[in-house]
């Protein structure tokens, strides 16, 4: 059995590593840049953008990415 969770679960990065849970990071868009939640962007950068009147947006993991992960089991 394998557990999967996306970064909206608000679990710390160490949990995914320690418990061998596969992380599906949400995409975070700040201006023209795209990041992977937890992996390549941290809350400080998001809050700094909000303070600068830049409105970050998120998007969910693509269905293809999830399907690929399930097929690899």
N, C-alpha and C. Protein backbone atom coordinates (compact mmCIF):
# COMPACT_ATOMS: atom_id res chain seq x y z
N UNK A 1 0.85 -1.16 0.00
CA UNK A 1 0.00 0.00 0.00
C UNK A 1 0.90 1.24 0.00
N UNK A 2 0.45 2.29 -0.65
CA UNK A 2 1.23 3.53 -0.72
C UNK A 2 0.30 4.71 -0.47
N UNK A 3 0.75 5.69 0.28
CA UNK A 3 -0.03 6.88 0.56
C UNK A 3 0.41 8.03 -0.34
N UNK A 4 -0.57 8.78 -0.79
CA UNK A 4 -0.35 9.97 -1.61
C UNK A 4 -1.04 11.13 -0.92
N UNK A 5 -0.47 12.32 -1.01
CA UNK A 5 -1.13 13.52 -0.48
C UNK A 5 -0.63 14.72 -1.27
N UNK A 6 -1.50 15.71 -1.42
CA UNK A 6 -1.03 16.94 -2.06
C UNK A 6 -0.62 17.94 -0.98
N UNK A 7 0.03 18.98 -1.39
CA UNK A 7 0.59 19.92 -0.42
C UNK A 7 -0.48 20.72 0.32
N UNK A 8 -1.73 20.67 -0.13
CA UNK A 8 -2.81 21.34 0.60
C UNK A 8 -3.09 20.64 1.93
N UNK A 9 -2.52 19.46 2.12
CA UNK A 9 -2.70 18.75 3.39
C UNK A 9 -1.97 19.45 4.53
N UNK A 10 -1.09 20.40 4.20
CA UNK A 10 -0.33 21.18 5.19
C UNK A 10 0.54 20.32 6.10
N UNK A 11 0.98 19.19 5.60
CA UNK A 11 1.93 18.37 6.36
C UNK A 11 3.34 18.90 6.10
N UNK A 12 4.21 18.81 7.09
CA UNK A 12 5.59 19.30 6.87
C UNK A 12 6.33 18.42 5.87
N UNK A 13 7.28 19.01 5.19
CA UNK A 13 8.07 18.29 4.19
C UNK A 13 8.71 17.04 4.80
N UNK A 14 9.14 17.14 6.03
CA UNK A 14 9.79 16.00 6.69
C UNK A 14 8.84 14.82 6.84
N UNK A 15 7.55 15.07 6.98
CA UNK A 15 6.58 13.97 7.11
C UNK A 15 6.59 13.10 5.86
N UNK A 16 6.61 13.75 4.69
CA UNK A 16 6.60 12.99 3.44
C UNK A 16 7.85 12.11 3.33
N UNK A 17 8.98 12.64 3.75
CA UNK A 17 10.22 11.88 3.70
C UNK A 17 10.25 10.78 4.76
N UNK A 18 9.90 11.13 5.99
CA UNK A 18 9.97 10.17 7.09
C UNK A 18 8.98 9.02 6.95
N UNK A 19 7.80 9.31 6.43
CA UNK A 19 6.74 8.30 6.33
C UNK A 19 6.61 7.69 4.94
N UNK A 20 7.50 8.07 4.03
CA UNK A 20 7.49 7.55 2.67
C UNK A 20 6.15 7.78 1.96
N UNK A 21 5.61 8.98 2.14
CA UNK A 21 4.36 9.39 1.49
C UNK A 21 4.71 10.19 0.24
N UNK A 22 4.04 9.89 -0.86
CA UNK A 22 4.32 10.60 -2.10
C UNK A 22 3.63 11.95 -2.07
N UNK A 23 4.40 12.99 -2.33
CA UNK A 23 3.90 14.37 -2.32
C UNK A 23 3.53 14.81 -3.73
N UNK A 24 2.31 15.31 -3.86
CA UNK A 24 1.89 15.98 -5.08
C UNK A 24 1.80 17.47 -4.76
N UNK A 25 2.80 18.25 -5.13
CA UNK A 25 2.76 19.67 -4.77
C UNK A 25 1.79 20.46 -5.66
N UNK A 26 1.04 21.35 -5.03
CA UNK A 26 0.23 22.27 -5.80
C UNK A 26 1.17 23.21 -6.54
N UNK A 27 0.73 23.75 -7.63
CA UNK A 27 1.50 24.74 -8.36
C UNK A 27 1.14 26.11 -7.80
N UNK A 28 2.15 26.92 -7.55
CA UNK A 28 1.95 28.27 -7.03
C UNK A 28 2.47 29.24 -8.09
N UNK A 29 1.61 30.12 -8.52
CA UNK A 29 1.97 31.11 -9.54
C UNK A 29 2.08 32.47 -8.86
N UNK A 30 3.26 33.07 -8.96
CA UNK A 30 3.51 34.40 -8.40
C UNK A 30 4.02 35.25 -9.56
N UNK A 31 3.19 36.16 -10.01
CA UNK A 31 3.56 36.94 -11.19
C UNK A 31 3.70 36.00 -12.38
N UNK A 32 4.85 36.07 -13.05
CA UNK A 32 5.10 35.20 -14.21
C UNK A 32 5.86 33.92 -13.85
N UNK A 33 6.09 33.70 -12.56
CA UNK A 33 6.85 32.53 -12.13
C UNK A 33 5.92 31.44 -11.61
N UNK A 34 6.33 30.19 -11.83
CA UNK A 34 5.59 29.04 -11.31
C UNK A 34 6.50 28.24 -10.40
N UNK A 35 5.97 27.84 -9.25
CA UNK A 35 6.72 27.08 -8.26
C UNK A 35 5.93 25.84 -7.87
N UNK A 36 6.63 24.88 -7.25
CA UNK A 36 5.97 23.73 -6.66
C UNK A 36 5.90 23.97 -5.16
N UNK A 37 4.68 23.97 -4.62
CA UNK A 37 4.48 24.18 -3.19
C UNK A 37 5.33 23.18 -2.40
N UNK A 38 5.92 23.65 -1.35
CA UNK A 38 6.80 22.93 -0.43
C UNK A 38 8.17 22.67 -1.05
N UNK A 39 8.22 22.27 -2.30
CA UNK A 39 9.51 21.93 -2.92
C UNK A 39 10.32 23.16 -3.33
N UNK A 40 9.69 24.11 -4.03
CA UNK A 40 10.47 25.22 -4.57
C UNK A 40 9.97 26.59 -4.14
N UNK A 41 8.98 26.65 -3.28
CA UNK A 41 8.52 27.93 -2.74
C UNK A 41 8.11 27.72 -1.29
N UNK A 42 8.34 28.74 -0.50
CA UNK A 42 7.99 28.68 0.91
C UNK A 42 7.02 29.81 1.23
N UNK A 43 6.34 29.68 2.33
CA UNK A 43 5.30 30.65 2.69
C UNK A 43 5.81 32.08 2.75
N UNK A 44 7.06 32.29 3.14
CA UNK A 44 7.58 33.66 3.21
C UNK A 44 7.51 34.36 1.86
N UNK A 45 7.88 33.65 0.79
CA UNK A 45 7.83 34.24 -0.55
C UNK A 45 6.38 34.57 -0.93
N UNK A 46 5.46 33.71 -0.59
CA UNK A 46 4.04 33.95 -0.89
C UNK A 46 3.55 35.17 -0.13
N UNK A 47 3.85 35.24 1.16
CA UNK A 47 3.40 36.39 1.96
C UNK A 47 4.07 37.69 1.53
N UNK A 48 5.34 37.60 1.14
CA UNK A 48 6.02 38.80 0.62
C UNK A 48 5.33 39.30 -0.65
N UNK A 49 4.91 38.39 -1.51
CA UNK A 49 4.21 38.77 -2.74
C UNK A 49 2.88 39.45 -2.40
N UNK A 50 2.16 38.90 -1.45
CA UNK A 50 0.88 39.49 -1.05
C UNK A 50 1.09 40.90 -0.52
N UNK A 51 2.12 41.08 0.31
CA UNK A 51 2.42 42.41 0.85
C UNK A 51 2.79 43.39 -0.26
N UNK A 52 3.35 42.88 -1.36
CA UNK A 52 3.73 43.72 -2.49
C UNK A 52 2.56 43.88 -3.48
N UNK A 53 1.38 43.50 -3.05
CA UNK A 53 0.15 43.61 -3.85
C UNK A 53 0.18 42.73 -5.10
N UNK A 54 0.91 41.62 -5.00
CA UNK A 54 0.90 40.60 -6.04
C UNK A 54 0.06 39.45 -5.49
N UNK A 55 -0.87 38.98 -6.26
CA UNK A 55 -1.81 37.97 -5.78
C UNK A 55 -1.43 36.59 -6.31
N UNK A 56 -0.80 35.78 -5.46
CA UNK A 56 -0.43 34.42 -5.88
C UNK A 56 -1.69 33.60 -6.20
N UNK A 57 -1.52 32.69 -7.12
CA UNK A 57 -2.59 31.76 -7.49
C UNK A 57 -2.05 30.35 -7.38
N UNK A 58 -2.94 29.41 -7.15
CA UNK A 58 -2.54 28.00 -7.09
C UNK A 58 -3.34 27.20 -8.09
N UNK A 59 -2.77 26.07 -8.46
CA UNK A 59 -3.50 25.13 -9.30
C UNK A 59 -3.18 23.72 -8.83
N UNK A 60 -4.13 22.85 -9.06
CA UNK A 60 -3.97 21.47 -8.58
C UNK A 60 -3.02 20.68 -9.48
N UNK A 61 -2.67 19.53 -9.00
CA UNK A 61 -1.82 18.60 -9.74
C UNK A 61 -2.59 18.13 -10.97
N UNK A 62 -1.88 17.99 -12.07
CA UNK A 62 -2.56 17.55 -13.30
C UNK A 62 -2.99 16.09 -13.16
N UNK A 63 -4.11 15.74 -13.79
CA UNK A 63 -4.54 14.34 -13.77
C UNK A 63 -3.49 13.39 -14.35
N UNK A 64 -2.76 13.84 -15.37
CA UNK A 64 -1.72 13.00 -15.96
C UNK A 64 -0.61 12.69 -14.96
N UNK A 65 -0.24 13.68 -14.17
CA UNK A 65 0.81 13.46 -13.17
C UNK A 65 0.37 12.43 -12.14
N UNK A 66 -0.87 12.53 -11.70
CA UNK A 66 -1.39 11.55 -10.73
C UNK A 66 -1.48 10.16 -11.36
N UNK A 67 -1.99 10.09 -12.58
CA UNK A 67 -2.10 8.80 -13.26
C UNK A 67 -0.74 8.14 -13.41
N UNK A 68 0.26 8.91 -13.79
CA UNK A 68 1.61 8.37 -13.94
C UNK A 68 2.12 7.78 -12.62
N UNK A 69 1.85 8.47 -11.51
CA UNK A 69 2.30 7.98 -10.22
C UNK A 69 1.59 6.68 -9.85
N UNK A 70 0.30 6.59 -10.11
CA UNK A 70 -0.44 5.37 -9.81
C UNK A 70 0.01 4.22 -10.70
N UNK A 71 0.32 4.49 -11.94
CA UNK A 71 0.75 3.44 -12.85
C UNK A 71 2.12 2.88 -12.48
N UNK A 72 2.92 3.66 -11.77
CA UNK A 72 4.25 3.21 -11.38
C UNK A 72 4.22 2.27 -10.16
N UNK A 73 3.07 2.13 -9.53
CA UNK A 73 2.99 1.24 -8.36
C UNK A 73 3.08 -0.20 -8.75
